Amino acid sequence: MTTNSCYEGQFGGTAKWIKENWKADSKVEYIRRKYESRNPRLAILGWDNAFGRALDQKEPRDYVKKVGVDFVGA
């Protein structure tokens, strides 16, 4: 049996991964090309329904800020 994390957890996990990999010598070629000396930025693209809005809550936004990622918006 497998389980998936909640939408909020996926949002937070993505922010953490981005922060950990946002560096000039990243293993991710796209990041190396786009890297700038600033916090990485993250936005949400989703449908205007319960599933799409589940990502955009206070707790995940607070966590994203805590790990040092700038939330652009939903």
C-alpha atoms as a PDB file:
ATOM      1  CA  MET A   1       0.000   0.000   0.000  1.00  0.00           C
ATOM      2  CA  THR A   2       1.222   3.500  -0.778  1.00  0.00           C
ATOM      3  CA  THR A   3       0.055   6.809   0.554  1.00  0.00           C
ATOM      4  CA  ASN A   4       0.404  10.293  -0.803  1.00  0.00           C
ATOM      5  CA  SER A   5       1.137  13.321   1.307  1.00  0.00           C
ATOM      6  CA  CYS A   6      -1.540  15.951   1.708  1.00  0.00           C
ATOM      7  CA  TYR A   7      -1.572  18.896  -0.675  1.00  0.00           C
ATOM      8  CA  GLU A   8      -0.240  21.194   2.022  1.00  0.00           C
ATOM      9  CA  GLY A   9       2.629  18.772   2.648  1.00  0.00           C
ATOM     10  CA  GLN A  10       3.447  18.630  -1.042  1.00  0.00           C
ATOM     11  CA  PHE A  11       3.580  22.430  -1.150  1.00  0.00           C
ATOM     12  CA  GLY A  12       5.888  22.551   1.873  1.00  0.00           C
ATOM     13  CA  GLY A  13       8.054  19.731   0.555  1.00  0.00           C
ATOM     14  CA  THR A  14       8.420  21.489  -2.770  1.00  0.00           C
ATOM     15  CA  ALA A  15       9.478  24.710  -1.042  1.00  0.00           C
ATOM     16  CA  LYS A  16      12.060  22.844   1.019  1.00  0.00           C
ATOM     17  CA  TRP A  17      13.458  21.088  -2.059  1.00  0.00           C
ATOM     18  CA  ILE A  18      13.680  24.372  -3.965  1.00  0.00           C
ATOM     19  CA  LYS A  19      15.518  26.083  -1.083  1.00  0.00           C
ATOM     20  CA  GLU A  20      17.959  23.193  -0.702  1.00  0.00           C
ATOM     21  CA  ASN A  21      18.758  23.190  -4.420  1.00  0.00           C
ATOM     22  CA  TRP A  22      18.737  26.967  -5.054  1.00  0.00           C
ATOM     23  CA  LYS A  23      22.481  27.516  -5.451  1.00  0.00           C
ATOM     24  CA  ALA A  24      24.847  28.505  -8.218  1.00  0.00           C
ATOM     25  CA  ASP A  25      26.395  25.020  -8.349  1.00  0.00           C
ATOM     26  CA  SER A  26      23.093  23.116  -8.146  1.00  0.00           C
ATOM     27  CA  LYS A  27      22.922  19.630  -9.653  1.00  0.00           C
ATOM     28  CA  VAL A  28      19.786  20.821 -11.454  1.00  0.00           C
ATOM     29  CA  GLU A  29      20.832  22.364 -14.750  1.00  0.00           C
ATOM     30  CA  TYR A  30      17.749  24.604 -14.965  1.00  0.00           C
ATOM     31  CA  ILE A  31      18.520  26.103 -11.558  1.00  0.00           C
ATOM     32  CA  ARG A  32      22.156  26.722 -12.512  1.00  0.00           C
ATOM     33  CA  ARG A  33      20.963  28.666 -15.578  1.00  0.00           C
ATOM     34  CA  LYS A  34      18.330  30.674 -13.691  1.00  0.00           C
ATOM     35  CA  TYR A  35      20.132  31.132 -10.377  1.00  0.00           C
ATOM     36  CA  GLU A  36      20.247  34.622  -8.866  1.00  0.00           C
ATOM     37  CA  SER A  37      21.577  35.674  -5.476  1.00  0.00           C
ATOM     38  CA  ARG A  38      18.134  35.977  -3.821  1.00  0.00           C
ATOM     39  CA  ASN A  39      15.536  33.729  -2.243  1.00  0.00           C
ATOM     40  CA  PRO A  40      13.916  31.305  -4.659  1.00  0.00           C
ATOM     41  CA  ARG A  41      10.304  32.040  -5.603  1.00  0.00           C
ATOM     42  CA  LEU A  42       7.324  29.703  -5.624  1.00  0.00           C
ATOM     43  CA  ALA A  43       3.779  30.122  -6.935  1.00  0.00           C
ATOM     44  CA  ILE A  44       0.730  27.873  -6.980  1.00  0.00           C
ATOM     45  CA  LEU A  45      -1.226  27.072 -10.107  1.00  0.00           C
ATOM     46  CA  GLY A  46      -4.440  25.208  -9.388  1.00  0.00           C
ATOM     47  CA  TRP A  47      -8.137  25.021 -10.017  1.00  0.00           C
ATOM     48  CA  ASP A  48     -10.563  27.166  -8.045  1.00  0.00           C
ATOM     49  CA  ASN A  49     -12.058  24.252  -6.144  1.00  0.00           C
ATOM     50  CA  ALA A  50     -11.446  22.522  -2.817  1.00  0.00           C
ATOM     51  CA  PHE A  51      -8.406  20.643  -4.111  1.00  0.00           C
ATOM     52  CA  GLY A  52      -6.835  23.708  -5.720  1.00  0.00           C
ATOM     53  CA  ARG A  53      -7.472  25.906  -2.688  1.00  0.00           C
ATOM     54  CA  ALA A  54      -6.132  23.277  -0.258  1.00  0.00           C
ATOM     55  CA  LEU A  55      -2.565  24.284  -1.113  1.00  0.00           C
ATOM     56  CA  ASP A  56      -3.070  27.964  -0.376  1.00  0.00           C
ATOM     57  CA  GLN A  57      -3.538  27.985   3.399  1.00  0.00           C
ATOM     58  CA  LYS A  58      -1.908  29.923   6.226  1.00  0.00           C
ATOM     59  CA  GLU A  59       0.184  27.030   7.576  1.00  0.00           C
ATOM     60  CA  PRO A  60       1.882  26.138   4.276  1.00  0.00           C
ATOM     61  CA  ARG A  61       2.501  29.843   3.533  1.00  0.00           C
ATOM     62  CA  ASP A  62       4.093  30.254   6.975  1.00  0.00           C
ATOM     63  CA  TYR A  63       6.297  27.199   6.399  1.00  0.00           C
ATOM     64  CA  VAL A  64       7.399  28.422   2.967  1.00  0.00           C
ATOM     65  CA  LYS A  65       8.417  31.741   4.521  1.00  0.00           C
ATOM     66  CA  LYS A  66      10.202  29.925   7.374  1.00  0.00           C
ATOM     67  CA  VAL A  67      12.395  27.886   5.003  1.00  0.00           C
ATOM     68  CA  GLY A  68      13.351  31.014   3.041  1.00  0.00           C
ATOM     69  CA  VAL A  69      11.274  30.781  -0.125  1.00  0.00           C
ATOM     70  CA  ASP A  70       9.344  33.795  -1.417  1.00  0.00           C
ATOM     71  CA  PHE A  71       5.702  32.920  -2.132  1.00  0.00           C
ATOM     72  CA  VAL A  72       4.637  34.695  -5.308  1.00  0.00           C
ATOM     73  CA  GLY A  73       0.949  33.853  -5.063  1.00  0.00           C
ATOM     74  CA  ALA A  74      -1.799  31.553  -6.155  1.00  0.00           C
END
